[in-house]
């Protein structure tokens, strides 16, 4: 039996089944899978939940299969099944309404604080964030906000920009340094 043709075909990465077929090499690049845009979030309807619970409880389907049948994401199906099993007496409308909503972070600085900051800056335009921070703490006892929170509030809510003042070391403005610079410019 002559295997020379088979070995040549194997060497060229062509299978012995026929010309034109191709076998991937280890050095070939892996094709990238292009994903489409994510779909918009839609809230689960009562019909979908009824279908989910009925398929899971009555028909004995797995949560994954029941989720596919109800056209719901698997994570949503698991969440609602868990809620239903914890409280089987709860109706579907109550389950839909009891979906926890994300809370927005509580604002530490109110409109009253904003007005105080604006009046401070109007009276003294050269204030720093640190001095505004001290003034706020003196005026509003118990206010616990950081300087960065105040800076962000002034920038976003008051629509003002403040340059941060940086202390210049004495060695940079000493008389000997100034004389050296003066002599360097004259030279």
Protein backbone atom coordinates (compact mmCIF):
# COMPACT_ATOMS: atom_id res chain seq x y z
CA UNK A 1 0.00 0.00 0.00
CA UNK A 2 1.47 3.34 -1.07
CA UNK A 3 1.08 6.10 1.61
CA UNK A 4 3.17 8.77 -0.09
CA UNK A 5 0.10 10.65 -1.34
CA UNK A 6 -1.49 10.48 2.11
CA UNK A 7 1.64 11.79 3.80
CA UNK A 8 1.90 14.63 1.28
CA UNK A 9 -1.73 15.54 1.84
CA UNK A 10 -1.19 15.48 5.60
CA UNK A 11 1.91 17.63 5.25
CA UNK A 12 -0.02 20.29 3.30
CA UNK A 13 -2.87 20.20 5.86
CA UNK A 14 -5.22 18.73 3.33
CA UNK A 15 -7.20 15.78 4.57
CA UNK A 16 -7.09 12.51 2.70
CA UNK A 17 -10.81 12.73 2.06
CA UNK A 18 -10.30 14.92 -0.96
CA UNK A 19 -8.72 17.97 -2.47
CA UNK A 20 -9.86 21.37 -1.34
CA UNK A 21 -10.77 20.34 2.21
CA UNK A 22 -8.85 22.16 4.90
CA UNK A 23 -7.62 21.36 8.42
CA UNK A 24 -6.83 24.18 10.84
CA UNK A 25 -3.24 24.57 11.96
CA UNK A 26 -2.23 25.63 15.44
CA UNK A 27 -0.70 28.79 13.96
CA UNK A 28 -3.93 29.89 12.23
CA UNK A 29 -5.64 32.86 13.90
CA UNK A 30 -8.82 32.09 15.81
CA UNK A 31 -11.79 33.83 14.18
CA UNK A 32 -13.47 36.38 16.42
CA UNK A 33 -17.16 36.11 17.06
CA UNK A 34 -19.00 39.34 16.46
CA UNK A 35 -21.78 40.02 18.89
CA UNK A 36 -24.79 42.12 18.12
CA UNK A 37 -25.95 45.02 20.25
CA UNK A 38 -27.52 44.18 23.57
CA UNK A 39 -31.26 44.26 23.66
CA UNK A 40 -33.08 46.84 25.74
CA UNK A 41 -34.24 45.86 29.20
CA UNK A 42 -37.91 45.02 29.41
CA UNK A 43 -39.83 44.38 32.58
CA UNK A 44 -41.32 40.91 33.02
CA UNK A 45 -45.06 40.85 32.39
CA UNK A 46 -47.68 39.00 34.42
CA UNK A 47 -48.27 36.55 31.56
CA UNK A 48 -44.59 35.69 31.44
CA UNK A 49 -44.50 35.04 35.18
CA UNK A 50 -47.67 32.94 35.02
CA UNK A 51 -46.15 30.90 32.21
CA UNK A 52 -42.87 30.54 34.12
CA UNK A 53 -44.44 29.37 37.37
CA UNK A 54 -46.94 27.09 35.63
CA UNK A 55 -44.20 25.43 33.55
CA UNK A 56 -41.95 25.01 36.58
CA UNK A 57 -44.52 23.90 39.17
CA UNK A 58 -47.19 22.07 37.14
CA UNK A 59 -45.29 20.72 34.14
CA UNK A 60 -42.13 19.91 36.07
CA UNK A 61 -39.77 21.69 33.70
CA UNK A 62 -36.38 22.91 34.87
CA UNK A 63 -36.00 26.60 35.57
CA UNK A 64 -33.89 26.99 32.42
CA UNK A 65 -36.51 25.37 30.18
CA UNK A 66 -39.36 27.22 31.89
CA UNK A 67 -37.46 30.50 31.39
CA UNK A 68 -37.02 29.76 27.67
CA UNK A 69 -40.69 28.91 27.32
CA UNK A 70 -41.71 32.14 29.13
CA UNK A 71 -39.18 34.16 27.10
CA UNK A 72 -37.43 35.42 30.23
CA UNK A 73 -33.74 35.64 31.08
CA UNK A 74 -32.56 32.74 33.20
CA UNK A 75 -31.43 35.00 36.07
CA UNK A 76 -34.86 36.65 36.21
CA UNK A 77 -36.55 33.25 36.20
CA UNK A 78 -34.41 32.03 39.10
CA UNK A 79 -35.15 35.20 41.06
CA UNK A 80 -38.92 34.94 40.61
CA UNK A 81 -38.99 31.17 41.26
CA UNK A 82 -37.05 31.74 44.49
CA UNK A 83 -39.51 34.46 45.54
CA UNK A 84 -42.45 32.24 44.70
CA UNK A 85 -41.05 29.28 46.66
CA UNK A 86 -40.33 31.51 49.67
CA UNK A 87 -43.90 32.90 49.63
CA UNK A 88 -46.28 30.71 47.60
CA UNK A 89 -49.30 32.67 48.88
CA UNK A 90 -48.04 35.85 47.21
CA UNK A 91 -49.90 36.73 44.03
CA UNK A 92 -48.19 37.49 40.76
CA UNK A 93 -49.16 41.16 40.84
CA UNK A 94 -47.60 41.46 44.30
CA UNK A 95 -44.46 39.73 43.05
CA UNK A 96 -44.19 42.20 40.19
CA UNK A 97 -44.71 45.17 42.49
CA UNK A 98 -42.27 43.90 45.11
CA UNK A 99 -39.33 44.03 42.73
CA UNK A 100 -36.72 46.00 44.65
CA UNK A 101 -35.70 49.22 42.96
CA UNK A 102 -32.22 50.59 43.13
CA UNK A 103 -31.84 53.50 45.46
CA UNK A 104 -30.06 56.59 44.33
CA UNK A 105 -27.30 57.65 46.67
CA UNK A 106 -28.52 60.10 49.28
CA UNK A 107 -27.33 63.61 48.67
CA UNK A 108 -25.29 64.95 51.54
CA UNK A 109 -25.47 68.56 50.44
CA UNK A 110 -28.94 70.05 50.07
CA UNK A 111 -30.25 73.19 48.43
CA UNK A 112 -29.66 75.06 51.70
CA UNK A 113 -25.99 74.08 51.60
CA UNK A 114 -25.76 75.16 47.95
CA UNK A 115 -27.20 78.59 48.75
CA UNK A 116 -24.76 78.98 51.65
CA UNK A 117 -21.80 78.03 49.42
CA UNK A 118 -22.89 80.46 46.70
CA UNK A 119 -23.26 83.31 49.21
CA UNK A 120 -19.80 82.52 50.63
CA UNK A 121 -18.20 82.59 47.21
CA UNK A 122 -20.07 85.78 46.28
CA UNK A 123 -18.71 87.54 49.36
CA UNK A 124 -15.14 86.19 48.98
CA UNK A 125 -14.17 85.05 45.50
CA UNK A 126 -10.76 83.73 46.59
CA UNK A 127 -12.04 80.98 48.87
CA UNK A 128 -10.56 77.53 48.71
CA UNK A 129 -12.36 74.22 49.07
CA UNK A 130 -10.75 73.83 52.48
CA UNK A 131 -12.09 77.16 53.73
CA UNK A 132 -15.57 76.36 52.34
CA UNK A 133 -15.35 72.99 54.10
CA UNK A 134 -14.54 74.70 57.43
CA UNK A 135 -17.33 77.25 56.97
CA UNK A 136 -19.87 74.52 56.20
CA UNK A 137 -18.86 72.54 59.30
CA UNK A 138 -19.19 75.66 61.49
CA UNK A 139 -22.58 76.65 60.06
CA UNK A 140 -24.12 73.15 59.86
CA UNK A 141 -23.22 71.17 62.97
CA UNK A 142 -22.98 67.42 62.33
CA UNK A 143 -22.44 67.70 58.57
CA UNK A 144 -20.01 64.96 57.56
CA UNK A 145 -18.78 65.53 54.01
CA UNK A 146 -15.31 65.33 52.56
CA UNK A 147 -13.52 68.09 50.72
CA UNK A 148 -13.76 66.14 47.47
CA UNK A 149 -17.56 65.93 47.89
CA UNK A 150 -17.70 69.69 48.33
CA UNK A 151 -15.47 70.22 45.30
CA UNK A 152 -17.68 67.96 43.18
CA UNK A 153 -20.82 69.68 44.48
CA UNK A 154 -19.44 73.13 43.62
CA UNK A 155 -18.46 71.91 40.16
CA UNK A 156 -21.65 69.97 39.30
CA UNK A 157 -24.43 71.67 41.27
CA UNK A 158 -23.21 75.26 41.60
CA UNK A 159 -21.64 75.18 38.12
CA UNK A 160 -18.48 76.89 39.35
CA UNK A 161 -14.88 75.95 38.79
CA UNK A 162 -12.29 76.44 41.47
CA UNK A 163 -8.58 76.29 40.98
CA UNK A 164 -6.90 74.38 43.72
CA UNK A 165 -4.41 76.51 45.58
CA UNK A 166 -1.08 74.81 46.17
CA UNK A 167 1.39 76.11 48.71
CA UNK A 168 4.74 77.00 47.14
CA UNK A 169 7.72 75.92 49.24
CA UNK A 170 9.77 78.74 50.73
CA UNK A 171 12.92 77.47 49.02
CA UNK A 172 11.45 78.32 45.61
CA UNK A 173 10.72 81.93 46.52
CA UNK A 174 13.67 82.68 48.81
CA UNK A 175 15.77 85.80 48.17
CA UNK A 176 18.84 83.77 47.15
CA UNK A 177 16.84 81.83 44.53
CA UNK A 178 15.32 85.02 43.16
CA UNK A 179 18.80 86.64 42.91
CA UNK A 180 20.15 83.56 41.08
CA UNK A 181 17.29 83.71 38.59
CA UNK A 182 17.79 87.44 38.08
CA UNK A 183 21.51 86.95 37.40
CA UNK A 184 20.76 84.05 35.04
CA UNK A 185 18.40 86.23 32.97
CA UNK A 186 20.97 89.09 32.79
CA UNK A 187 23.72 86.74 31.64
